[in-house]
């Protein structure tokens, strides 16, 4: 389920979708794909309590992030504000 408006106008808050996280074990994401992945800090253990870490990683589960790939290795990505609106330039 989409938790925030970071993907609006493509996906709206509260929408549900199926995500395949396994494909990226076998290939790299491609430009313009919408991908889902666990939050980058999901498996950092900040607690010294092993039981707390177990619950944190497997019971409560990490947050899922959904993003569009705008650049791949070798691309140059530049963000600017033009006419008061954010603009992204790739290559």
PDB file of N, CA and C in Angstrom:
ATOM      1  N   UNK A   1       0.843  -1.171   0.000  1.00  0.00           N
ATOM      2  CA  UNK A   1       0.000   0.000   0.000  1.00  0.00           C
ATOM      3  C   UNK A   1       0.891   1.238   0.000  1.00  0.00           C
ATOM      4  N   UNK A   2       0.532   2.227  -0.793  1.00  0.00           N
ATOM      5  CA  UNK A   2       1.320   3.456  -0.904  1.00  0.00           C
ATOM      6  C   UNK A   2       1.067   4.308   0.349  1.00  0.00           C
ATOM      7  N   UNK A   3       2.126   4.548   1.177  1.00  0.00           N
ATOM      8  CA  UNK A   3       1.917   5.253   2.434  1.00  0.00           C
ATOM      9  C   UNK A   3       2.003   6.780   2.346  1.00  0.00           C
ATOM     10  N   UNK A   4       2.725   7.301   1.372  1.00  0.00           N
ATOM     11  CA  UNK A   4       2.930   8.754   1.298  1.00  0.00           C
ATOM     12  C   UNK A   4       2.706   9.249  -0.123  1.00  0.00           C
ATOM     13  N   UNK A   5       2.727  10.560  -0.278  1.00  0.00           N
ATOM     14  CA  UNK A   5       2.498  11.167  -1.581  1.00  0.00           C
ATOM     15  C   UNK A   5       3.736  11.320  -2.435  1.00  0.00           C
ATOM     16  N   UNK A   6       4.817  10.623  -2.112  1.00  0.00           N
ATOM     17  CA  UNK A   6       6.054  10.814  -2.871  1.00  0.00           C
ATOM     18  C   UNK A   6       5.960  10.323  -4.313  1.00  0.00           C
ATOM     19  N   UNK A   7       4.966   9.485  -4.613  1.00  0.00           N
ATOM     20  CA  UNK A   7       4.820   8.969  -5.981  1.00  0.00           C
ATOM     21  C   UNK A   7       3.611   9.566  -6.700  1.00  0.00           C
ATOM     22  N   UNK A   8       2.966  10.576  -6.081  1.00  0.00           N
ATOM     23  CA  UNK A   8       1.830  11.203  -6.763  1.00  0.00           C
ATOM     24  C   UNK A   8       2.324  11.799  -8.054  1.00  0.00           C
ATOM     25  N   UNK A   9       1.772  11.796  -8.956  1.00  0.00           N
ATOM     26  CA  UNK A   9       0.640  11.545  -9.798  1.00  0.00           C
ATOM     27  C   UNK A   9       0.628  10.138 -10.380  1.00  0.00           C
ATOM     28  N   UNK A  10       1.653   9.351 -10.142  1.00  0.00           N
ATOM     29  CA  UNK A  10       1.686   7.978 -10.640  1.00  0.00           C
ATOM     30  C   UNK A  10       0.865   7.062  -9.744  1.00  0.00           C
ATOM     31  N   UNK A  11       1.075   7.175  -8.440  1.00  0.00           N
ATOM     32  CA  UNK A  11       0.343   6.370  -7.456  1.00  0.00           C
ATOM     33  C   UNK A  11      -0.156   7.301  -6.367  1.00  0.00           C
ATOM     34  N   UNK A  12      -1.368   7.094  -5.937  1.00  0.00           N
ATOM     35  CA  UNK A  12      -1.959   7.941  -4.913  1.00  0.00           C
ATOM     36  C   UNK A  12      -1.864   7.280  -3.544  1.00  0.00           C
ATOM     37  N   UNK A  13      -1.859   8.095  -2.498  1.00  0.00           N
ATOM     38  CA  UNK A  13      -1.796   7.588  -1.137  1.00  0.00           C
ATOM     39  C   UNK A  13      -2.955   6.622  -0.905  1.00  0.00           C
ATOM     40  N   UNK A  14      -2.630   5.458  -0.355  1.00  0.00           N
ATOM     41  CA  UNK A  14      -3.649   4.466  -0.056  1.00  0.00           C
ATOM     42  C   UNK A  14      -3.865   3.431  -1.139  1.00  0.00           C
ATOM     43  N   UNK A  15      -3.366   3.671  -2.349  1.00  0.00           N
ATOM     44  CA  UNK A  15      -3.504   2.677  -3.412  1.00  0.00           C
ATOM     45  C   UNK A  15      -2.701   1.432  -3.054  1.00  0.00           C
ATOM     46  N   UNK A  16      -3.149   0.314  -3.559  1.00  0.00           N
ATOM     47  CA  UNK A  16      -2.455  -0.949  -3.338  1.00  0.00           C
ATOM     48  C   UNK A  16      -1.916  -1.459  -4.678  1.00  0.00           C
ATOM     49  N   UNK A  17      -0.788  -2.155  -4.610  1.00  0.00           N
ATOM     50  CA  UNK A  17      -0.201  -2.711  -5.822  1.00  0.00           C
ATOM     51  C   UNK A  17       0.626  -3.929  -5.452  1.00  0.00           C
ATOM     52  N   UNK A  18       0.890  -4.781  -6.421  1.00  0.00           N
ATOM     53  CA  UNK A  18       1.774  -5.924  -6.226  1.00  0.00           C
ATOM     54  C   UNK A  18       3.178  -5.511  -6.631  1.00  0.00           C
ATOM     55  N   UNK A  19       4.146  -5.921  -5.839  1.00  0.00           N
ATOM     56  CA  UNK A  19       5.537  -5.593  -6.144  1.00  0.00           C
ATOM     57  C   UNK A  19       6.364  -6.871  -6.180  1.00  0.00           C
ATOM     58  N   UNK A  20       7.284  -6.918  -7.105  1.00  0.00           N
ATOM     59  CA  UNK A  20       8.195  -8.049  -7.248  1.00  0.00           C
ATOM     60  C   UNK A  20       9.580  -7.580  -6.854  1.00  0.00           C
ATOM     61  N   UNK A  21      10.033  -7.966  -5.667  1.00  0.00           N
ATOM     62  CA  UNK A  21      11.364  -7.563  -5.216  1.00  0.00           C
ATOM     63  C   UNK A  21      12.432  -8.585  -5.605  1.00  0.00           C
ATOM     64  N   UNK A  22      12.018  -9.753  -6.063  1.00  0.00           N
ATOM     65  CA  UNK A  22      12.960 -10.822  -6.379  1.00  0.00           C
ATOM     66  C   UNK A  22      13.677 -10.611  -7.713  1.00  0.00           C
ATOM     67  N   UNK A  23      13.030  -9.982  -8.670  1.00  0.00           N
ATOM     68  CA  UNK A  23      13.629  -9.800 -10.003  1.00  0.00           C
ATOM     69  C   UNK A  23      14.980  -9.101  -9.947  1.00  0.00           C
ATOM     70  N   UNK A  24      15.142  -8.195  -8.995  1.00  0.00           N
ATOM     71  CA  UNK A  24      16.371  -7.397  -8.945  1.00  0.00           C
ATOM     72  C   UNK A  24      17.539  -8.161  -8.337  1.00  0.00           C
ATOM     73  N   UNK A  25      17.297  -9.403  -7.929  1.00  0.00           N
ATOM     74  CA  UNK A  25      18.397 -10.286  -7.550  1.00  0.00           C
ATOM     75  C   UNK A  25      19.108 -10.742  -8.817  1.00  0.00           C
ATOM     76  N   UNK A  26      18.338 -10.850  -9.922  1.00  0.00           N
ATOM     77  CA  UNK A  26      18.853 -11.396 -11.176  1.00  0.00           C
ATOM     78  C   UNK A  26      19.215 -10.337 -12.214  1.00  0.00           C
ATOM     79  N   UNK A  27      18.695  -9.117 -12.055  1.00  0.00           N
ATOM     80  CA  UNK A  27      19.016  -8.042 -13.003  1.00  0.00           C
ATOM     81  C   UNK A  27      18.916  -6.700 -12.307  1.00  0.00           C
ATOM     82  N   UNK A  28      19.577  -5.703 -12.871  1.00  0.00           N
ATOM     83  CA  UNK A  28      19.549  -4.353 -12.317  1.00  0.00           C
ATOM     84  C   UNK A  28      18.271  -3.632 -12.740  1.00  0.00           C
ATOM     85  N   UNK A  29      17.791  -2.713 -11.913  1.00  0.00           N
ATOM     86  CA  UNK A  29      16.630  -1.903 -12.321  1.00  0.00           C
ATOM     87  C   UNK A  29      16.965  -1.075 -13.556  1.00  0.00           C
ATOM     88  N   UNK A  30      15.959  -0.816 -14.360  1.00  0.00           N
ATOM     89  CA  UNK A  30      16.128  -0.023 -15.577  1.00  0.00           C
ATOM     90  C   UNK A  30      15.504   1.347 -15.397  1.00  0.00           C
ATOM     91  N   UNK A  31      15.995   2.307 -16.160  1.00  0.00           N
ATOM     92  CA  UNK A  31      15.482   3.677 -16.092  1.00  0.00           C
ATOM     93  C   UNK A  31      13.975   3.691 -16.323  1.00  0.00           C
ATOM     94  N   UNK A  32      13.274   4.468 -15.555  1.00  0.00           N
ATOM     95  CA  UNK A  32      11.831   4.726 -15.586  1.00  0.00           C
ATOM     96  C   UNK A  32      10.977   3.627 -14.963  1.00  0.00           C
ATOM     97  N   UNK A  33      11.585   2.550 -14.475  1.00  0.00           N
ATOM     98  CA  UNK A  33      10.801   1.533 -13.783  1.00  0.00           C
ATOM     99  C   UNK A  33      10.393   2.033 -12.407  1.00  0.00           C
ATOM    100  N   UNK A  34       9.244   1.596 -11.942  1.00  0.00           N
ATOM    101  CA  UNK A  34       8.823   1.844 -10.564  1.00  0.00           C
ATOM    102  C   UNK A  34       9.228   0.602  -9.787  1.00  0.00           C
ATOM    103  N   UNK A  35      10.024   0.804  -8.740  1.00  0.00           N
ATOM    104  CA  UNK A  35      10.537  -0.325  -7.971  1.00  0.00           C
ATOM    105  C   UNK A  35      10.095  -0.204  -6.517  1.00  0.00           C
ATOM    106  N   UNK A  36      10.024  -1.329  -5.848  1.00  0.00           N
ATOM    107  CA  UNK A  36       9.714  -1.378  -4.421  1.00  0.00           C
ATOM    108  C   UNK A  36      10.874  -2.071  -3.726  1.00  0.00           C
ATOM    109  N   UNK A  37      11.253  -1.572  -2.559  1.00  0.00           N
ATOM    110  CA  UNK A  37      12.363  -2.157  -1.821  1.00  0.00           C
ATOM    111  C   UNK A  37      12.218  -1.828  -0.347  1.00  0.00           C
ATOM    112  N   UNK A  38      12.920  -2.578   0.495  1.00  0.00           N
ATOM    113  CA  UNK A  38      12.912  -2.299   1.927  1.00  0.00           C
ATOM    114  C   UNK A  38      13.695  -1.029   2.194  1.00  0.00           C
ATOM    115  N   UNK A  39      13.281  -0.293   3.222  1.00  0.00           N
ATOM    116  CA  UNK A  39      14.008   0.928   3.544  1.00  0.00           C
ATOM    117  C   UNK A  39      15.485   0.607   3.741  1.00  0.00           C
ATOM    118  N   UNK A  40      16.379   1.478   3.290  1.00  0.00           N
ATOM    119  CA  UNK A  40      17.817   1.184   3.323  1.00  0.00           C
ATOM    120  C   UNK A  40      18.375   0.866   4.703  1.00  0.00           C
ATOM    121  N   UNK A  41      17.808   1.418   5.753  1.00  0.00           N
ATOM    122  CA  UNK A  41      18.324   1.168   7.101  1.00  0.00           C
ATOM    123  C   UNK A  41      17.571   0.049   7.801  1.00  0.00           C
ATOM    124  N   UNK A  42      16.796  -0.746   7.070  1.00  0.00           N
ATOM    125  CA  UNK A  42      15.913  -1.746   7.670  1.00  0.00           C
ATOM    126  C   UNK A  42      16.644  -2.760   8.531  1.00  0.00           C
ATOM    127  N   UNK A  43      17.821  -3.159   8.138  1.00  0.00           N
ATOM    128  CA  UNK A  43      18.470  -4.237   8.872  1.00  0.00           C
ATOM    129  C   UNK A  43      19.677  -3.774   9.676  1.00  0.00           C
ATOM    130  N   UNK A  44      19.758  -2.469   9.952  1.00  0.00           N
ATOM    131  CA  UNK A  44      20.753  -1.977  10.894  1.00  0.00           C
ATOM    132  C   UNK A  44      20.201  -2.224  12.283  1.00  0.00           C
ATOM    133  N   UNK A  45      20.954  -2.872  13.112  1.00  0.00           N
ATOM    134  CA  UNK A  45      20.486  -3.168  14.458  1.00  0.00           C
ATOM    135  C   UNK A  45      21.007  -2.105  15.419  1.00  0.00           C
ATOM    136  N   UNK A  46      20.104  -1.263  15.886  1.00  0.00           N
ATOM    137  CA  UNK A  46      20.498  -0.193  16.790  1.00  0.00           C
ATOM    138  C   UNK A  46      20.392  -0.609  18.245  1.00  0.00           C
ATOM    139  N   UNK A  47      19.687  -1.682  18.515  1.00  0.00           N
ATOM    140  CA  UNK A  47      19.496  -2.141  19.882  1.00  0.00           C
ATOM    141  C   UNK A  47      20.489  -3.255  20.196  1.00  0.00           C
ATOM    142  N   UNK A  48      20.906  -3.342  21.441  1.00  0.00           N
ATOM    143  CA  UNK A  48      21.775  -4.444  21.847  1.00  0.00           C
ATOM    144  C   UNK A  48      20.942  -5.654  22.266  1.00  0.00           C
ATOM    145  N   UNK A  49      19.623  -5.483  22.327  1.00  0.00           N
ATOM    146  CA  UNK A  49      18.711  -6.557  22.705  1.00  0.00           C
ATOM    147  C   UNK A  49      18.373  -7.378  21.457  1.00  0.00           C
ATOM    148  N   UNK A  50      18.821  -8.627  21.416  1.00  0.00           N
ATOM    149  CA  UNK A  50      18.627  -9.469  20.232  1.00  0.00           C
ATOM    150  C   UNK A  50      17.152  -9.754  19.969  1.00  0.00           C
ATOM    151  N   UNK A  51      16.353  -9.889  21.013  1.00  0.00           N
ATOM    152  CA  UNK A  51      14.926 -10.137  20.842  1.00  0.00           C
ATOM    153  C   UNK A  51      14.246  -8.917  20.213  1.00  0.00           C
ATOM    154  N   UNK A  52      14.647  -7.732  20.652  1.00  0.00           N
ATOM    155  CA  UNK A  52      14.101  -6.495  20.069  1.00  0.00           C
ATOM    156  C   UNK A  52      14.444  -6.413  18.590  1.00  0.00           C
ATOM    157  N   UNK A  53      15.667  -6.725  18.230  1.00  0.00           N
ATOM    158  CA  UNK A  53      16.089  -6.701  16.823  1.00  0.00           C
ATOM    159  C   UNK A  53      15.325  -7.727  15.992  1.00  0.00           C
ATOM    160  N   UNK A  54      15.062  -8.911  16.561  1.00  0.00           N
ATOM    161  CA  UNK A  54      14.299  -9.931  15.864  1.00  0.00           C
ATOM    162  C   UNK A  54      12.901  -9.411  15.523  1.00  0.00           C
ATOM    163  N   UNK A  55      12.241  -8.812  16.511  1.00  0.00           N
ATOM    164  CA  UNK A  55      10.916  -8.244  16.262  1.00  0.00           C
ATOM    165  C   UNK A  55      10.983  -7.105  15.259  1.00  0.00           C
ATOM    166  N   UNK A  56      11.988  -6.270  15.394  1.00  0.00           N
ATOM    167  CA  UNK A  56      12.126  -5.110  14.513  1.00  0.00           C
ATOM    168  C   UNK A  56      12.289  -5.539  13.055  1.00  0.00           C
ATOM    169  N   UNK A  57      13.049  -6.569  12.803  1.00  0.00           N
ATOM    170  CA  UNK A  57      13.353  -6.978  11.432  1.00  0.00           C
ATOM    171  C   UNK A  57      12.338  -7.929  10.827  1.00  0.00           C
ATOM    172  N   UNK A  58      11.673  -8.753  11.654  1.00  0.00           N
ATOM    173  CA  UNK A  58      10.844  -9.804  11.073  1.00  0.00           C
ATOM    174  C   UNK A  58       9.372  -9.751  11.478  1.00  0.00           C
ATOM    175  N   UNK A  59       9.056  -9.210  12.621  1.00  0.00           N
ATOM    176  CA  UNK A  59       7.664  -9.163  13.043  1.00  0.00           C
ATOM    177  C   UNK A  59       7.031  -7.846  12.640  1.00  0.00           C
ATOM    178  N   UNK A  60       7.619  -6.730  13.081  1.00  0.00           N
ATOM    179  CA  UNK A  60       7.097  -5.427  12.680  1.00  0.00           C
ATOM    180  C   UNK A  60       7.408  -5.175  11.219  1.00  0.00           C
ATOM    181  N   UNK A  61       8.513  -5.700  10.776  1.00  0.00           N
ATOM    182  CA  UNK A  61       8.911  -5.587   9.376  1.00  0.00           C
ATOM    183  C   UNK A  61       9.415  -4.206   9.005  1.00  0.00           C
ATOM    184  N   UNK A  62      10.312  -4.158   8.041  1.00  0.00           N
ATOM    185  CA  UNK A  62      10.823  -2.864   7.567  1.00  0.00           C
ATOM    186  C   UNK A  62       9.761  -2.147   6.729  1.00  0.00           C
ATOM    187  N   UNK A  63       9.885  -0.849   6.638  1.00  0.00           N
ATOM    188  CA  UNK A  63       8.998  -0.074   5.762  1.00  0.00           C
ATOM    189  C   UNK A  63       9.358  -0.357   4.313  1.00  0.00           C
ATOM    190  N   UNK A  64       8.360  -0.388   3.474  1.00  0.00           N
ATOM    191  CA  UNK A  64       8.583  -0.560   2.037  1.00  0.00           C
ATOM    192  C   UNK A  64       8.636   0.809   1.384  1.00  0.00           C
ATOM    193  N   UNK A  65       9.591   1.005   0.515  1.00  0.00           N
ATOM    194  CA  UNK A  65       9.706   2.244  -0.243  1.00  0.00           C
ATOM    195  C   UNK A  65       9.365   1.947  -1.691  1.00  0.00           C
ATOM    196  N   UNK A  66       8.690   2.879  -2.330  1.00  0.00           N
ATOM    197  CA  UNK A  66       8.341   2.764  -3.740  1.00  0.00           C
ATOM    198  C   UNK A  66       8.876   4.002  -4.446  1.00  0.00           C
ATOM    199  N   UNK A  67       9.703   3.813  -5.442  1.00  0.00           N
ATOM    200  CA  UNK A  67      10.331   4.938  -6.143  1.00  0.00           C
ATOM    201  C   UNK A  67      10.448   4.639  -7.627  1.00  0.00           C
ATOM    202  N   UNK A  68      10.576   5.700  -8.425  1.00  0.00           N
ATOM    203  CA  UNK A  68      10.834   5.560  -9.856  1.00  0.00           C
ATOM    204  C   UNK A  68      12.333   5.734 -10.078  1.00  0.00           C
ATOM    205  N   UNK A  69      12.914   4.860 -10.889  1.00  0.00           N
ATOM    206  CA  UNK A  69      14.344   4.935 -11.211  1.00  0.00           C
ATOM    207  C   UNK A  69      14.526   6.041 -12.247  1.00  0.00           C
ATOM    208  N   UNK A  70      15.320   7.054 -11.896  1.00  0.00           N
ATOM    209  CA  UNK A  70      15.558   8.148 -12.843  1.00  0.00           C
ATOM    210  C   UNK A  70      16.960   8.119 -13.421  1.00  0.00           C
ATOM    211  N   UNK A  71      17.853   7.373 -12.785  1.00  0.00           N
ATOM    212  CA  UNK A  71      19.210   7.290 -13.293  1.00  0.00           C
ATOM    213  C   UNK A  71      19.802   5.930 -12.995  1.00  0.00           C
ATOM    214  N   UNK A  72      20.654   5.470 -13.865  1.00  0.00           N
ATOM    215  CA  UNK A  72      21.359   4.204 -13.693  1.00  0.00           C
ATOM    216  C   UNK A  72      22.852   4.509 -13.717  1.00  0.00           C
ATOM    217  N   UNK A  73      23.699   3.576 -13.290  1.00  0.00           N
ATOM    218  CA  UNK A  73      25.133   3.843 -13.296  1.00  0.00           C
ATOM    219  C   UNK A  73      25.620   4.373 -14.644  1.00  0.00           C
ATOM    220  N   UNK A  74      26.377   5.447 -14.599  1.00  0.00           N
ATOM    221  CA  UNK A  74      26.890   6.087 -15.812  1.00  0.00           C
ATOM    222  C   UNK A  74      26.116   7.328 -16.204  1.00  0.00           C
ATOM    223  N   UNK A  75      24.909   7.503 -15.671  1.00  0.00           N
ATOM    224  CA  UNK A  75      24.099   8.688 -15.970  1.00  0.00           C
ATOM    225  C   UNK A  75      24.548   9.868 -15.121  1.00  0.00           C
ATOM    226  N   UNK A  76      24.312  11.060 -15.635  1.00  0.00           N
ATOM    227  CA  UNK A  76      24.511  12.289 -14.878  1.00  0.00           C
ATOM    228  C   UNK A  76      23.130  12.857 -14.591  1.00  0.00           C
ATOM    229  N   UNK A  77      22.827  13.036 -13.313  1.00  0.00           N
ATOM    230  CA  UNK A  77      21.511  13.532 -12.897  1.00  0.00           C
ATOM    231  C   UNK A  77      21.702  14.886 -12.227  1.00  0.00           C
ATOM    232  N   UNK A  78      20.895  15.869 -12.655  1.00  0.00           N
ATOM    233  CA  UNK A  78      20.998  17.219 -12.100  1.00  0.00           C
ATOM    234  C   UNK A  78      19.596  17.732 -11.793  1.00  0.00           C
ATOM    235  N   UNK A  79      19.420  18.248 -10.585  1.00  0.00           N
ATOM    236  CA  UNK A  79      18.145  18.827 -10.194  1.00  0.00           C
ATOM    237  C   UNK A  79      18.247  20.337 -10.103  1.00  0.00           C
ATOM    238  N   UNK A  80      17.234  21.048 -10.585  1.00  0.00           N
ATOM    239  CA  UNK A  80      17.210  22.513 -10.565  1.00  0.00           C
ATOM    240  C   UNK A  80      15.806  22.985 -10.229  1.00  0.00           C
ATOM    241  N   UNK A  81      15.723  24.234  -9.825  1.00  0.00           N
ATOM    242  CA  UNK A  81      14.432  24.899  -9.668  1.00  0.00           C
ATOM    243  C   UNK A  81      14.315  25.888 -10.823  1.00  0.00           C
ATOM    244  N   UNK A  82      13.321  25.681 -11.673  1.00  0.00           N
ATOM    245  CA  UNK A  82      13.096  26.585 -12.801  1.00  0.00           C
ATOM    246  C   UNK A  82      11.659  27.087 -12.744  1.00  0.00           C
ATOM    247  N   UNK A  83      11.484  28.379 -12.775  1.00  0.00           N
ATOM    248  CA  UNK A  83      10.163  28.995 -12.677  1.00  0.00           C
ATOM    249  C   UNK A  83       9.419  28.527 -11.426  1.00  0.00           C
ATOM    250  N   UNK A  84      10.178  28.313 -10.339  1.00  0.00           N
ATOM    251  CA  UNK A  84       9.578  27.923  -9.075  1.00  0.00           C
ATOM    252  C   UNK A  84       9.192  26.452  -8.971  1.00  0.00           C
ATOM    253  N   UNK A  85       9.559  25.639  -9.959  1.00  0.00           N
ATOM    254  CA  UNK A  85       9.208  24.222  -9.946  1.00  0.00           C
ATOM    255  C   UNK A  85      10.470  23.379 -10.068  1.00  0.00           C
ATOM    256  N   UNK A  86      10.497  22.226  -9.375  1.00  0.00           N
ATOM    257  CA  UNK A  86      11.675  21.352  -9.496  1.00  0.00           C
ATOM    258  C   UNK A  86      11.716  20.667 -10.848  1.00  0.00           C
ATOM    259  N   UNK A  87      12.909  20.605 -11.414  1.00  0.00           N
ATOM    260  CA  UNK A  87      13.121  19.957 -12.721  1.00  0.00           C
ATOM    261  C   UNK A  87      14.333  19.048 -12.585  1.00  0.00           C
ATOM    262  N   UNK A  88      14.243  17.857 -13.164  1.00  0.00           N
ATOM    263  CA  UNK A  88      15.351  16.901 -13.142  1.00  0.00           C
ATOM    264  C   UNK A  88      15.850  16.711 -14.567  1.00  0.00           C
ATOM    265  N   UNK A  89      17.169  16.818 -14.738  1.00  0.00           N
ATOM    266  CA  UNK A  89      17.806  16.560 -16.027  1.00  0.00           C
ATOM    267  C   UNK A  89      18.654  15.314 -15.916  1.00  0.00           C
ATOM    268  N   UNK A  90      18.516  14.398 -16.869  1.00  0.00           N
ATOM    269  CA  UNK A  90      19.314  13.183 -16.911  1.00  0.00           C
ATOM    270  C   UNK A  90      20.127  13.235 -18.189  1.00  0.00           C
ATOM    271  N   UNK A  91      21.455  13.074 -18.033  1.00  0.00           N
ATOM    272  CA  UNK A  91      22.411  13.112 -19.146  1.00  0.00           C
ATOM    273  C   UNK A  91      22.303  14.439 -19.881  1.00  0.00           C
TER     274      UNK A  91
END
